Amino acid sequence: MDPIARKTYYSIGEVSTLTGLKPHVLRYWETQFNVLSPSKNRGGTRVYRMREIETILLVKHLLYEKCFTIEGARKELDKMRTGGEITEVRQLNAEPAMMALIREGLDTLRDTLTLPEEEG
């Protein structure tokens, strides 16, 4: 399965791979950020849309790169939502993260396809 393929719905495992976060972190963030509310399918499994993945990447950016606390990140997200800029910021933040994932996948593929140099 191509982890970068555009789909309508993504499983928590796929989102975990795309974002570099463990599933338990994603589930915890759902309880802490009201902007993260993935739907559930008939079987009760979480299904994420691209909008939720972009929001997860934004939360990750705020927490890990900008060093916000959870409360601070929550307030920042609320401020962005109130100002009407959350959609744009989500997309701008997700683009570099997705490009990094693509680059990482290409590096792995290159390493797999490259023959080892002969010592001689």
PDB file of N, CA and C in Angstrom:
ATOM      1  N   MET A   1       0.851  -1.186   0.000  1.00  0.00           N
ATOM      2  CA  MET A   1       0.000   0.000   0.000  1.00  0.00           C
ATOM      3  C   MET A   1       0.884   1.232   0.000  1.00  0.00           C
ATOM      4  N   ASP A   2       0.543   2.190  -0.799  1.00  0.00           N
ATOM      5  CA  ASP A   2       1.273   3.447  -0.866  1.00  0.00           C
ATOM      6  C   ASP A   2       0.751   4.375   0.220  1.00  0.00           C
ATOM      7  N   PRO A   3       1.569   4.712   1.243  1.00  0.00           N
ATOM      8  CA  PRO A   3       1.077   5.517   2.358  1.00  0.00           C
ATOM      9  C   PRO A   3       0.774   6.958   1.980  1.00  0.00           C
ATOM     10  N   ILE A   4       1.157   7.388   0.787  1.00  0.00           N
ATOM     11  CA  ILE A   4       0.961   8.770   0.402  1.00  0.00           C
ATOM     12  C   ILE A   4      -0.221   8.919  -0.563  1.00  0.00           C
ATOM     13  N   ALA A   5      -0.803   7.813  -0.963  1.00  0.00           N
ATOM     14  CA  ALA A   5      -1.923   7.869  -1.885  1.00  0.00           C
ATOM     15  C   ALA A   5      -3.072   8.683  -1.298  1.00  0.00           C
ATOM     16  N   ARG A   6      -3.706   9.485  -2.136  1.00  0.00           N
ATOM     17  CA  ARG A   6      -4.856  10.293  -1.697  1.00  0.00           C
ATOM     18  C   ARG A   6      -6.079   9.410  -1.654  1.00  0.00           C
ATOM     19  N   LYS A   7      -6.689   9.357  -0.479  1.00  0.00           N
ATOM     20  CA  LYS A   7      -7.903   8.581  -0.303  1.00  0.00           C
ATOM     21  C   LYS A   7      -8.907   9.449   0.419  1.00  0.00           C
ATOM     22  N   THR A   8     -10.137   8.990   0.478  1.00  0.00           N
ATOM     23  CA  THR A   8     -11.164   9.726   1.210  1.00  0.00           C
ATOM     24  C   THR A   8     -11.011   9.498   2.698  1.00  0.00           C
ATOM     25  N   TYR A   9     -10.783   8.252   3.105  1.00  0.00           N
ATOM     26  CA  TYR A   9     -10.656   7.909   4.516  1.00  0.00           C
ATOM     27  C   TYR A   9      -9.367   7.151   4.766  1.00  0.00           C
ATOM     28  N   TYR A  10      -8.764   7.416   5.917  1.00  0.00           N
ATOM     29  CA  TYR A  10      -7.536   6.749   6.328  1.00  0.00           C
ATOM     30  C   TYR A  10      -7.767   6.098   7.686  1.00  0.00           C
ATOM     31  N   SER A  11      -7.177   4.933   7.890  1.00  0.00           N
ATOM     32  CA  SER A  11      -7.270   4.260   9.194  1.00  0.00           C
ATOM     33  C   SER A  11      -6.283   4.913  10.158  1.00  0.00           C
ATOM     34  N   ILE A  12      -6.427   4.599  11.442  1.00  0.00           N
ATOM     35  CA  ILE A  12      -5.528   5.171  12.441  1.00  0.00           C
ATOM     36  C   ILE A  12      -4.086   4.695  12.203  1.00  0.00           C
ATOM     37  N   GLY A  13      -3.923   3.481  11.699  1.00  0.00           N
ATOM     38  CA  GLY A  13      -2.585   2.980  11.381  1.00  0.00           C
ATOM     39  C   GLY A  13      -1.941   3.762  10.250  1.00  0.00           C
ATOM     40  N   GLU A  14      -2.728   4.057   9.226  1.00  0.00           N
ATOM     41  CA  GLU A  14      -2.214   4.845   8.107  1.00  0.00           C
ATOM     42  C   GLU A  14      -1.867   6.264   8.554  1.00  0.00           C
ATOM     43  N   VAL A  15      -2.714   6.847   9.395  1.00  0.00           N
ATOM     44  CA  VAL A  15      -2.461   8.197   9.906  1.00  0.00           C
ATOM     45  C   VAL A  15      -1.215   8.181  10.781  1.00  0.00           C
ATOM     46  N   SER A  16      -1.050   7.140  11.555  1.00  0.00           N
ATOM     47  CA  SER A  16       0.131   6.994  12.396  1.00  0.00           C
ATOM     48  C   SER A  16       1.392   6.987  11.531  1.00  0.00           C
ATOM     49  N   THR A  17       1.365   6.249  10.445  1.00  0.00           N
ATOM     50  CA  THR A  17       2.506   6.189   9.531  1.00  0.00           C
ATOM     51  C   THR A  17       2.745   7.542   8.861  1.00  0.00           C
ATOM     52  N   LEU A  18       1.676   8.169   8.399  1.00  0.00           N
ATOM     53  CA  LEU A  18       1.805   9.456   7.709  1.00  0.00           C
ATOM     54  C   LEU A  18       2.336  10.563   8.607  1.00  0.00           C
ATOM     55  N   THR A  19       1.941  10.559   9.871  1.00  0.00           N
ATOM     56  CA  THR A  19       2.298  11.655  10.767  1.00  0.00           C
ATOM     57  C   THR A  19       3.510  11.351  11.639  1.00  0.00           C
ATOM     58  N   GLY A  20       3.909  10.093  11.712  1.00  0.00           N
ATOM     59  CA  GLY A  20       5.021   9.722  12.571  1.00  0.00           C
ATOM     60  C   GLY A  20       4.648   9.709  14.045  1.00  0.00           C
ATOM     61  N   LEU A  21       3.365   9.556  14.335  1.00  0.00           N
ATOM     62  CA  LEU A  21       2.872   9.521  15.713  1.00  0.00           C
ATOM     63  C   LEU A  21       2.286   8.151  16.012  1.00  0.00           C
ATOM     64  N   LYS A  22       2.396   7.722  17.238  1.00  0.00           N
ATOM     65  CA  LYS A  22       1.814   6.436  17.622  1.00  0.00           C
ATOM     66  C   LYS A  22       0.294   6.574  17.767  1.00  0.00           C
ATOM     67  N   PRO A  23      -0.442   5.491  17.511  1.00  0.00           N
ATOM     68  CA  PRO A  23      -1.903   5.548  17.609  1.00  0.00           C
ATOM     69  C   PRO A  23      -2.412   6.038  18.962  1.00  0.00           C
ATOM     70  N   HIS A  24      -1.741   5.669  20.058  1.00  0.00           N
ATOM     71  CA  HIS A  24      -2.222   6.113  21.370  1.00  0.00           C
ATOM     72  C   HIS A  24      -2.084   7.627  21.524  1.00  0.00           C
ATOM     73  N   VAL A  25      -1.105   8.225  20.865  1.00  0.00           N
ATOM     74  CA  VAL A  25      -0.957   9.687  20.894  1.00  0.00           C
ATOM     75  C   VAL A  25      -2.117  10.320  20.133  1.00  0.00           C
ATOM     76  N   LEU A  26      -2.466   9.757  18.991  1.00  0.00           N
ATOM     77  CA  LEU A  26      -3.597  10.278  18.208  1.00  0.00           C
ATOM     78  C   LEU A  26      -4.891  10.195  19.006  1.00  0.00           C
ATOM     79  N   ARG A  27      -5.113   9.068  19.680  1.00  0.00           N
ATOM     80  CA  ARG A  27      -6.328   8.919  20.480  1.00  0.00           C
ATOM     81  C   ARG A  27      -6.344   9.902  21.644  1.00  0.00           C
ATOM     82  N   TYR A  28      -5.191  10.117  22.273  1.00  0.00           N
ATOM     83  CA  TYR A  28      -5.113  11.071  23.378  1.00  0.00           C
ATOM     84  C   TYR A  28      -5.407  12.487  22.885  1.00  0.00           C
ATOM     85  N   TRP A  29      -4.824  12.859  21.758  1.00  0.00           N
ATOM     86  CA  TRP A  29      -5.049  14.206  21.229  1.00  0.00           C
ATOM     87  C   TRP A  29      -6.525  14.445  20.923  1.00  0.00           C
ATOM     88  N   GLU A  30      -7.239  13.402  20.531  1.00  0.00           N
ATOM     89  CA  GLU A  30      -8.686  13.554  20.295  1.00  0.00           C
ATOM     90  C   GLU A  30      -9.393  14.029  21.558  1.00  0.00           C
ATOM     91  N   THR A  31      -8.911  13.576  22.708  1.00  0.00           N
ATOM     92  CA  THR A  31      -9.551  13.977  23.967  1.00  0.00           C
ATOM     93  C   THR A  31      -9.149  15.387  24.376  1.00  0.00           C
ATOM     94  N   GLN A  32      -8.029  15.870  23.875  1.00  0.00           N
ATOM     95  CA  GLN A  32      -7.506  17.162  24.289  1.00  0.00           C
ATOM     96  C   GLN A  32      -7.847  18.310  23.339  1.00  0.00           C
ATOM     97  N   PHE A  33      -8.097  17.994  22.072  1.00  0.00           N
ATOM     98  CA  PHE A  33      -8.351  19.018  21.054  1.00  0.00           C
ATOM     99  C   PHE A  33      -9.700  18.746  20.396  1.00  0.00           C
ATOM    100  N   ASN A  34     -10.651  19.641  20.615  1.00  0.00           N
ATOM    101  CA  ASN A  34     -11.983  19.414  20.048  1.00  0.00           C
ATOM    102  C   ASN A  34     -12.006  19.544  18.530  1.00  0.00           C
ATOM    103  N   VAL A  35     -10.954  20.095  17.922  1.00  0.00           N
ATOM    104  CA  VAL A  35     -10.905  20.165  16.463  1.00  0.00           C
ATOM    105  C   VAL A  35     -10.544  18.810  15.853  1.00  0.00           C
ATOM    106  N   LEU A  36     -10.083  17.881  16.669  1.00  0.00           N
ATOM    107  CA  LEU A  36      -9.772  16.527  16.197  1.00  0.00           C
ATOM    108  C   LEU A  36     -10.919  15.598  16.567  1.00  0.00           C
ATOM    109  N   SER A  37     -11.724  15.288  15.610  1.00  0.00           N
ATOM    110  CA  SER A  37     -12.842  14.376  15.872  1.00  0.00           C
ATOM    111  C   SER A  37     -13.097  13.515  14.647  1.00  0.00           C
ATOM    112  N   PRO A  38     -12.256  12.481  14.465  1.00  0.00           N
ATOM    113  CA  PRO A  38     -12.468  11.611  13.312  1.00  0.00           C
ATOM    114  C   PRO A  38     -13.798  10.868  13.421  1.00  0.00           C
ATOM    115  N   SER A  39     -14.360  10.564  12.277  1.00  0.00           N
ATOM    116  CA  SER A  39     -15.598   9.788  12.236  1.00  0.00           C
ATOM    117  C   SER A  39     -15.281   8.340  12.586  1.00  0.00           C
ATOM    118  N   LYS A  40     -16.324   7.580  12.799  1.00  0.00           N
ATOM    119  CA  LYS A  40     -16.151   6.140  12.998  1.00  0.00           C
ATOM    120  C   LYS A  40     -17.007   5.424  11.963  1.00  0.00           C
ATOM    121  N   ASN A  41     -16.469   4.322  11.443  1.00  0.00           N
ATOM    122  CA  ASN A  41     -17.233   3.549  10.466  1.00  0.00           C
ATOM    123  C   ASN A  41     -18.212   2.631  11.184  1.00  0.00           C
ATOM    124  N   ARG A  42     -18.910   1.796  10.442  1.00  0.00           N
ATOM    125  CA  ARG A  42     -19.917   0.906  11.037  1.00  0.00           C
ATOM    126  C   ARG A  42     -19.337  -0.005  12.104  1.00  0.00           C
ATOM    127  N   GLY A  43     -18.084  -0.374  11.929  1.00  0.00           N
ATOM    128  CA  GLY A  43     -17.438  -1.262  12.890  1.00  0.00           C
ATOM    129  C   GLY A  43     -16.883  -0.527  14.105  1.00  0.00           C
ATOM    130  N   GLY A  44     -17.027   0.788  14.125  1.00  0.00           N
ATOM    131  CA  GLY A  44     -16.543   1.575  15.251  1.00  0.00           C
ATOM    132  C   GLY A  44     -15.086   1.980  15.137  1.00  0.00           C
ATOM    133  N   THR A  45     -14.482   1.703  13.990  1.00  0.00           N
ATOM    134  CA  THR A  45     -13.082   2.063  13.771  1.00  0.00           C
ATOM    135  C   THR A  45     -12.980   3.518  13.348  1.00  0.00           C
ATOM    136  N   ARG A  46     -11.987   4.231  13.884  1.00  0.00           N
ATOM    137  CA  ARG A  46     -11.772   5.626  13.510  1.00  0.00           C
ATOM    138  C   ARG A  46     -11.385   5.713  12.044  1.00  0.00           C
ATOM    139  N   VAL A  47     -11.955   6.665  11.359  1.00  0.00           N
ATOM    140  CA  VAL A  47     -11.568   6.955   9.975  1.00  0.00           C
ATOM    141  C   VAL A  47     -11.299   8.454   9.871  1.00  0.00           C
ATOM    142  N   TYR A  48     -10.145   8.776   9.345  1.00  0.00           N
ATOM    143  CA  TYR A  48      -9.695  10.157   9.253  1.00  0.00           C
ATOM    144  C   TYR A  48      -9.793  10.655   7.818  1.00  0.00           C
ATOM    145  N   ARG A  49     -10.171  11.900   7.675  1.00  0.00           N
ATOM    146  CA  ARG A  49     -10.151  12.574   6.381  1.00  0.00           C
ATOM    147  C   ARG A  49      -8.872  13.393   6.314  1.00  0.00           C
ATOM    148  N   MET A  50      -8.538  13.883   5.131  1.00  0.00           N
ATOM    149  CA  MET A  50      -7.326  14.670   4.966  1.00  0.00           C
ATOM    150  C   MET A  50      -7.345  15.898   5.887  1.00  0.00           C
ATOM    151  N   ARG A  51      -8.517  16.480   6.108  1.00  0.00           N
ATOM    152  CA  ARG A  51      -8.619  17.657   6.985  1.00  0.00           C
ATOM    153  C   ARG A  51      -8.122  17.323   8.389  1.00  0.00           C
ATOM    154  N   GLU A  52      -8.494  16.162   8.912  1.00  0.00           N
ATOM    155  CA  GLU A  52      -8.047  15.763  10.241  1.00  0.00           C
ATOM    156  C   GLU A  52      -6.543  15.504  10.270  1.00  0.00           C
ATOM    157  N   ILE A  53      -6.022  14.914   9.200  1.00  0.00           N
ATOM    158  CA  ILE A  53      -4.577  14.664   9.128  1.00  0.00           C
ATOM    159  C   ILE A  53      -3.818  15.986   9.117  1.00  0.00           C
ATOM    160  N   GLU A  54      -4.315  16.955   8.359  1.00  0.00           N
ATOM    161  CA  GLU A  54      -3.681  18.270   8.338  1.00  0.00           C
ATOM    162  C   GLU A  54      -3.726  18.912   9.723  1.00  0.00           C
ATOM    163  N   THR A  55      -4.830  18.749  10.431  1.00  0.00           N
ATOM    164  CA  THR A  55      -4.952  19.298  11.782  1.00  0.00           C
ATOM    165  C   THR A  55      -3.983  18.599  12.734  1.00  0.00           C
ATOM    166  N   ILE A  56      -3.847  17.292  12.606  1.00  0.00           N
ATOM    167  CA  ILE A  56      -2.904  16.539  13.437  1.00  0.00           C
ATOM    168  C   ILE A  56      -1.483  17.050  13.201  1.00  0.00           C
ATOM    169  N   LEU A  57      -1.141  17.282  11.934  1.00  0.00           N
ATOM    170  CA  LEU A  57       0.196  17.797  11.628  1.00  0.00           C
ATOM    171  C   LEU A  57       0.387  19.200  12.197  1.00  0.00           C
ATOM    172  N   LEU A  58      -0.671  19.999  12.206  1.00  0.00           N
ATOM    173  CA  LEU A  58      -0.590  21.333  12.797  1.00  0.00           C
ATOM    174  C   LEU A  58      -0.396  21.235  14.313  1.00  0.00           C
ATOM    175  N   VAL A  59      -1.140  20.358  14.973  1.00  0.00           N
ATOM    176  CA  VAL A  59      -0.991  20.160  16.416  1.00  0.00           C
ATOM    177  C   VAL A  59       0.428  19.669  16.718  1.00  0.00           C
ATOM    178  N   LYS A  60       0.912  18.732  15.924  1.00  0.00           N
ATOM    179  CA  LYS A  60       2.268  18.220  16.107  1.00  0.00           C
ATOM    180  C   LYS A  60       3.285  19.355  15.982  1.00  0.00           C
ATOM    181  N   HIS A  61       3.095  20.222  15.003  1.00  0.00           N
ATOM    182  CA  HIS A  61       3.979  21.371  14.808  1.00  0.00           C
ATOM    183  C   HIS A  61       3.951  22.291  16.030  1.00  0.00           C
ATOM    184  N   LEU A  62       2.752  22.584  16.509  1.00  0.00           N
ATOM    185  CA  LEU A  62       2.626  23.472  17.662  1.00  0.00           C
ATOM    186  C   LEU A  62       3.275  22.870  18.913  1.00  0.00           C
ATOM    187  N   LEU A  63       3.068  21.583  19.132  1.00  0.00           N
ATOM    188  CA  LEU A  63       3.583  20.942  20.336  1.00  0.00           C
ATOM    189  C   LEU A  63       5.080  20.640  20.257  1.00  0.00           C
ATOM    190  N   TYR A  64       5.527  20.092  19.142  1.00  0.00           N
ATOM    191  CA  TYR A  64       6.899  19.598  19.056  1.00  0.00           C
ATOM    192  C   TYR A  64       7.889  20.632  18.539  1.00  0.00           C
ATOM    193  N   GLU A  65       7.467  21.482  17.628  1.00  0.00           N
ATOM    194  CA  GLU A  65       8.392  22.451  17.047  1.00  0.00           C
ATOM    195  C   GLU A  65       8.274  23.829  17.698  1.00  0.00           C
ATOM    196  N   LYS A  66       7.061  24.263  17.975  1.00  0.00           N
ATOM    197  CA  LYS A  66       6.865  25.572  18.607  1.00  0.00           C
ATOM    198  C   LYS A  66       6.892  25.477  20.135  1.00  0.00           C
ATOM    199  N   CYS A  67       6.938  24.252  20.661  1.00  0.00           N
ATOM    200  CA  CYS A  67       7.042  23.985  22.107  1.00  0.00           C
ATOM    201  C   CYS A  67       5.874  24.557  22.922  1.00  0.00           C
ATOM    202  N   PHE A  68       4.684  24.537  22.365  1.00  0.00           N
ATOM    203  CA  PHE A  68       3.490  24.924  23.106  1.00  0.00           C
ATOM    204  C   PHE A  68       3.143  23.805  24.079  1.00  0.00           C
ATOM    205  N   THR A  69       2.490  24.153  25.168  1.00  0.00           N
ATOM    206  CA  THR A  69       1.876  23.148  26.019  1.00  0.00           C
ATOM    207  C   THR A  69       0.579  22.721  25.327  1.00  0.00           C
ATOM    208  N   ILE A  70      -0.046  21.684  25.827  1.00  0.00           N
ATOM    209  CA  ILE A  70      -1.323  21.268  25.237  1.00  0.00           C
ATOM    210  C   ILE A  70      -2.343  22.397  25.363  1.00  0.00           C
ATOM    211  N   GLU A  71      -2.394  23.024  26.531  1.00  0.00           N
ATOM    212  CA  GLU A  71      -3.331  24.133  26.727  1.00  0.00           C
ATOM    213  C   GLU A  71      -3.005  25.299  25.795  1.00  0.00           C
ATOM    214  N   GLY A  72      -1.727  25.602  25.638  1.00  0.00           N
ATOM    215  CA  GLY A  72      -1.314  26.681  24.744  1.00  0.00           C
ATOM    216  C   GLY A  72      -1.654  26.381  23.288  1.00  0.00           C
ATOM    217  N   ALA A  73      -1.430  25.131  22.879  1.00  0.00           N
ATOM    218  CA  ALA A  73      -1.764  24.726  21.509  1.00  0.00           C
ATOM    219  C   ALA A  73      -3.274  24.785  21.291  1.00  0.00           C
ATOM    220  N   ARG A  74      -4.044  24.380  22.306  1.00  0.00           N
ATOM    221  CA  ARG A  74      -5.504  24.445  22.213  1.00  0.00           C
ATOM    222  C   ARG A  74      -5.956  25.895  22.016  1.00  0.00           C
ATOM    223  N   LYS A  75      -5.380  26.801  22.792  1.00  0.00           N
ATOM    224  CA  LYS A  75      -5.741  28.224  22.666  1.00  0.00           C
ATOM    225  C   LYS A  75      -5.322  28.776  21.306  1.00  0.00           C
ATOM    226  N   GLU A  76      -4.156  28.379  20.833  1.00  0.00           N
ATOM    227  CA  GLU A  76      -3.678  28.845  19.520  1.00  0.00           C
ATOM    228  C   GLU A  76      -4.608  28.351  18.409  1.00  0.00           C
ATOM    229  N   LEU A  77      -5.026  27.090  18.485  1.00  0.00           N
ATOM    230  CA  LEU A  77      -5.964  26.548  17.495  1.00  0.00           C
ATOM    231  C   LEU A  77      -7.299  27.289  17.543  1.00  0.00           C
ATOM    232  N   ASP A  78      -7.781  27.569  18.755  1.00  0.00           N
ATOM    233  CA  ASP A  78      -9.036  28.318  18.893  1.00  0.00           C
ATOM    234  C   ASP A  78      -8.898  29.711  18.304  1.00  0.00           C
ATOM    235  N   LYS A  79      -7.754  30.336  18.535  1.00  0.00           N
ATOM    236  CA  LYS A  79      -7.498  31.670  17.983  1.00  0.00           C
ATOM    237  C   LYS A  79      -7.483  31.618  16.454  1.00  0.00           C
ATOM    238  N   MET A  80      -6.844  30.606  15.892  1.00  0.00           N
ATOM    239  CA  MET A  80      -6.799  30.445  14.432  1.00  0.00           C
ATOM    240  C   MET A  80      -8.195  30.203  13.879  1.00  0.00           C
ATOM    241  N   ARG A  81      -8.971  29.377  14.582  1.00  0.00           N
ATOM    242  CA  ARG A  81     -10.329  29.069  14.130  1.00  0.00           C
ATOM    243  C   ARG A  81     -11.201  30.306  14.171  1.00  0.00           C
ATOM    244  N   THR A  82     -11.102  31.082  15.251  1.00  0.00           N
ATOM    245  CA  THR A  82     -11.889  32.308  15.391  1.00  0.00           C
ATOM    246  C   THR A  82     -11.511  33.313  14.316  1.00  0.00           C
ATOM    247  N   GLY A  83     -10.216  33.392  14.004  1.00  0.00           N
ATOM    248  CA  GLY A  83      -9.743  34.315  12.979  1.00  0.00           C
ATOM    249  C   GLY A  83      -9.987  33.828  11.560  1.00  0.00           C
ATOM    250  N   GLY A  84     -10.472  32.601  11.420  1.00  0.00           N
ATOM    251  CA  GLY A  84     -10.785  32.061  10.106  1.00  0.00           C
ATOM    252  C   GLY A  84      -9.568  31.635   9.304  1.00  0.00           C
ATOM    253  N   GLU A  85      -8.427  31.474   9.968  1.00  0.00           N
ATOM    254  CA  GLU A  85      -7.216  31.136   9.239  1.00  0.00           C
ATOM    255  C   GLU A  85      -6.756  29.699   9.440  1.00  0.00           C
ATOM    256  N   ILE A  86      -7.502  28.913  10.180  1.00  0.00           N
ATOM    257  CA  ILE A  86      -7.044  27.558  10.494  1.00  0.00           C
ATOM    258  C   ILE A  86      -6.912  26.686   9.245  1.00  0.00           C
ATOM    259  N   THR A  87      -7.816  26.817   8.286  1.00  0.00           N
ATOM    260  CA  THR A  87      -7.747  25.991   7.074  1.00  0.00           C
ATOM    261  C   THR A  87      -6.463  26.272   6.308  1.00  0.00           C
ATOM    262  N   GLU A  88      -6.160  27.539   6.136  1.00  0.00           N
ATOM    263  CA  GLU A  88      -4.949  27.919   5.400  1.00  0.00           C
ATOM    264  C   GLU A  88      -3.689  27.479   6.141  1.00  0.00           C
ATOM    265  N   VAL A  89      -3.652  27.698   7.443  1.00  0.00           N
ATOM    266  CA  VAL A  89      -2.477  27.322   8.243  1.00  0.00           C
ATOM    267  C   VAL A  89      -2.310  25.815   8.239  1.00  0.00           C
ATOM    268  N   ARG A  90      -3.415  25.066   8.342  1.00  0.00           N
ATOM    269  CA  ARG A  90      -3.360  23.595   8.301  1.00  0.00           C
ATOM    270  C   ARG A  90      -2.704  23.127   7.016  1.00  0.00           C
ATOM    271  N   GLN A  91      -3.156  23.687   5.899  1.00  0.00           N
ATOM    272  CA  GLN A  91      -2.639  23.256   4.602  1.00  0.00           C
ATOM    273  C   GLN A  91      -1.177  23.659   4.417  1.00  0.00           C
ATOM    274  N   LEU A  92      -0.826  24.868   4.841  1.00  0.00           N
ATOM    275  CA  LEU A  92       0.566  25.317   4.721  1.00  0.00           C
ATOM    276  C   LEU A  92       1.490  24.482   5.591  1.00  0.00           C
ATOM    277  N   ASN A  93       1.037  24.095   6.759  1.00  0.00           N
ATOM    278  CA  ASN A  93       1.846  23.294   7.662  1.00  0.00           C
ATOM    279  C   ASN A  93       1.955  21.845   7.174  1.00  0.00           C
ATOM    280  N   ALA A  94       0.903  21.318   6.573  1.00  0.00           N
ATOM    281  CA  ALA A  94       0.897  19.920   6.137  1.00  0.00           C
ATOM    282  C   ALA A  94       1.803  19.703   4.929  1.00  0.00           C
ATOM    283  N   GLU A  95       1.927  20.702   4.080  1.00  0.00           N
ATOM    284  CA  GLU A  95       2.701  20.541   2.849  1.00  0.00           C
ATOM    285  C   GLU A  95       4.151  20.129   3.113  1.00  0.00           C
ATOM    286  N   PRO A  96       4.906  20.845   3.971  1.00  0.00           N
ATOM    287  CA  PRO A  96       6.287  20.409   4.222  1.00  0.00           C
ATOM    288  C   PRO A  96       6.365  19.034   4.882  1.00  0.00           C
ATOM    289  N   ALA A  97       5.414  18.729   5.756  1.00  0.00           N
ATOM    290  CA  ALA A  97       5.421  17.424   6.417  1.00  0.00           C
ATOM    291  C   ALA A  97       5.201  16.312   5.390  1.00  0.00           C
ATOM    292  N   MET A  98       4.283  16.517   4.476  1.00  0.00           N
ATOM    293  CA  MET A  98       4.026  15.511   3.443  1.00  0.00           C
ATOM    294  C   MET A  98       5.234  15.381   2.509  1.00  0.00           C
ATOM    295  N   MET A  99       5.855  16.506   2.181  1.00  0.00           N
ATOM    296  CA  MET A  99       7.042  16.461   1.328  1.00  0.00           C
ATOM    297  C   MET A  99       8.170  15.704   2.028  1.00  0.00           C
ATOM    298  N   ALA A 100       8.319  15.882   3.327  1.00  0.00           N
ATOM    299  CA  ALA A 100       9.343  15.162   4.075  1.00  0.00           C
ATOM    300  C   ALA A 100       9.075  13.659   4.046  1.00  0.00           C
ATOM    301  N   LEU A 101       7.802  13.277   4.165  1.00  0.00           N
ATOM    302  CA  LEU A 101       7.451  11.855   4.097  1.00  0.00           C
ATOM    303  C   LEU A 101       7.752  11.282   2.717  1.00  0.00           C
ATOM    304  N   ILE A 102       7.455  12.040   1.680  1.00  0.00           N
ATOM    305  CA  ILE A 102       7.745  11.593   0.315  1.00  0.00           C
ATOM    306  C   ILE A 102       9.251  11.437   0.143  1.00  0.00           C
ATOM    307  N   ARG A 103      10.006  12.427   0.616  1.00  0.00           N
ATOM    308  CA  ARG A 103      11.464  12.389   0.503  1.00  0.00           C
ATOM    309  C   ARG A 103      12.023  11.172   1.246  1.00  0.00           C
ATOM    310  N   GLU A 104      11.504  10.916   2.439  1.00  0.00           N
ATOM    311  CA  GLU A 104      11.957   9.775   3.229  1.00  0.00           C
ATOM    312  C   GLU A 104      11.667   8.462   2.500  1.00  0.00           C
ATOM    313  N   GLY A 105      10.479   8.375   1.904  1.00  0.00           N
ATOM    314  CA  GLY A 105      10.126   7.179   1.141  1.00  0.00           C
ATOM    315  C   GLY A 105      11.022   6.983  -0.065  1.00  0.00           C
ATOM    316  N   LEU A 106      11.343   8.075  -0.738  1.00  0.00           N
ATOM    317  CA  LEU A 106      12.242   7.994  -1.896  1.00  0.00           C
ATOM    318  C   LEU A 106      13.658   7.600  -1.478  1.00  0.00           C
ATOM    319  N   ASP A 107      14.125   8.129  -0.347  1.00  0.00           N
ATOM    320  CA  ASP A 107      15.448   7.754   0.157  1.00  0.00           C
ATOM    321  C   ASP A 107      15.505   6.266   0.477  1.00  0.00           C
ATOM    322  N   THR A 108      14.450   5.763   1.106  1.00  0.00           N
ATOM    323  CA  THR A 108      14.382   4.334   1.432  1.00  0.00           C
ATOM    324  C   THR A 108      14.385   3.499   0.164  1.00  0.00           C
ATOM    325  N   LEU A 109      13.611   3.924  -0.824  1.00  0.00           N
ATOM    326  CA  LEU A 109      13.551   3.214  -2.100  1.00  0.00           C
ATOM    327  C   LEU A 109      14.912   3.227  -2.783  1.00  0.00           C
ATOM    328  N   ARG A 110      15.583   4.384  -2.781  1.00  0.00           N
ATOM    329  CA  ARG A 110      16.912   4.490  -3.403  1.00  0.00           C
ATOM    330  C   ARG A 110      17.888   3.537  -2.710  1.00  0.00           C
ATOM    331  N   ASP A 111      17.863   3.519  -1.385  1.00  0.00           N
ATOM    332  CA  ASP A 111      18.765   2.642  -0.638  1.00  0.00           C
ATOM    333  C   ASP A 111      18.490   1.173  -0.936  1.00  0.00           C
ATOM    334  N   THR A 112      17.229   0.840  -1.116  1.00  0.00           N
ATOM    335  CA  THR A 112      16.846  -0.535  -1.421  1.00  0.00           C
ATOM    336  C   THR A 112      17.319  -0.937  -2.815  1.00  0.00           C
ATOM    337  N   LEU A 113      17.232  -0.020  -3.751  1.00  0.00           N
ATOM    338  CA  LEU A 113      17.571  -0.329  -5.146  1.00  0.00           C
ATOM    339  C   LEU A 113      19.046  -0.168  -5.470  1.00  0.00           C
ATOM    340  N   THR A 114      19.805   0.464  -4.608  1.00  0.00           N
ATOM    341  CA  THR A 114      21.224   0.709  -4.872  1.00  0.00           C
ATOM    342  C   THR A 114      22.034  -0.548  -4.531  1.00  0.00           C
ATOM    343  N   LEU A 115      22.852  -0.960  -5.483  1.00  0.00           N
ATOM    344  CA  LEU A 115      23.710  -2.104  -5.253  1.00  0.00           C
ATOM    345  C   LEU A 115      24.867  -1.701  -4.350  1.00  0.00           C
ATOM    346  N   PRO A 116      25.278  -2.584  -3.462  1.00  0.00           N
ATOM    347  CA  PRO A 116      26.416  -2.251  -2.606  1.00  0.00           C
ATOM    348  C   PRO A 116      27.692  -2.160  -3.444  1.00  0.00           C
ATOM    349  N   GLU A 117      28.573  -1.244  -3.034  1.00  0.00           N
ATOM    350  CA  GLU A 117      29.837  -1.090  -3.761  1.00  0.00           C
ATOM    351  C   GLU A 117      30.760  -2.258  -3.442  1.00  0.00           C
ATOM    352  N   GLU A 118      31.466  -2.712  -4.474  1.00  0.00           N
ATOM    353  CA  GLU A 118      32.378  -3.821  -4.276  1.00  0.00           C
ATOM    354  C   GLU A 118      33.686  -3.291  -3.716  1.00  0.00           C
ATOM    355  N   GLU A 119      34.188  -3.996  -2.720  1.00  0.00           N
ATOM    356  CA  GLU A 119      35.469  -3.615  -2.149  1.00  0.00           C
ATOM    357  C   GLU A 119      36.541  -4.397  -2.871  1.00  0.00           C
ATOM    358  N   GLY A 120      37.599  -3.730  -3.196  1.00  0.00           N
ATOM    359  CA  GLY A 120      38.475  -4.467  -4.003  1.00  0.00           C
ATOM    360  C   GLY A 120      39.860  -4.264  -3.924  1.00  0.00           C
TER     361      GLY A 120
END
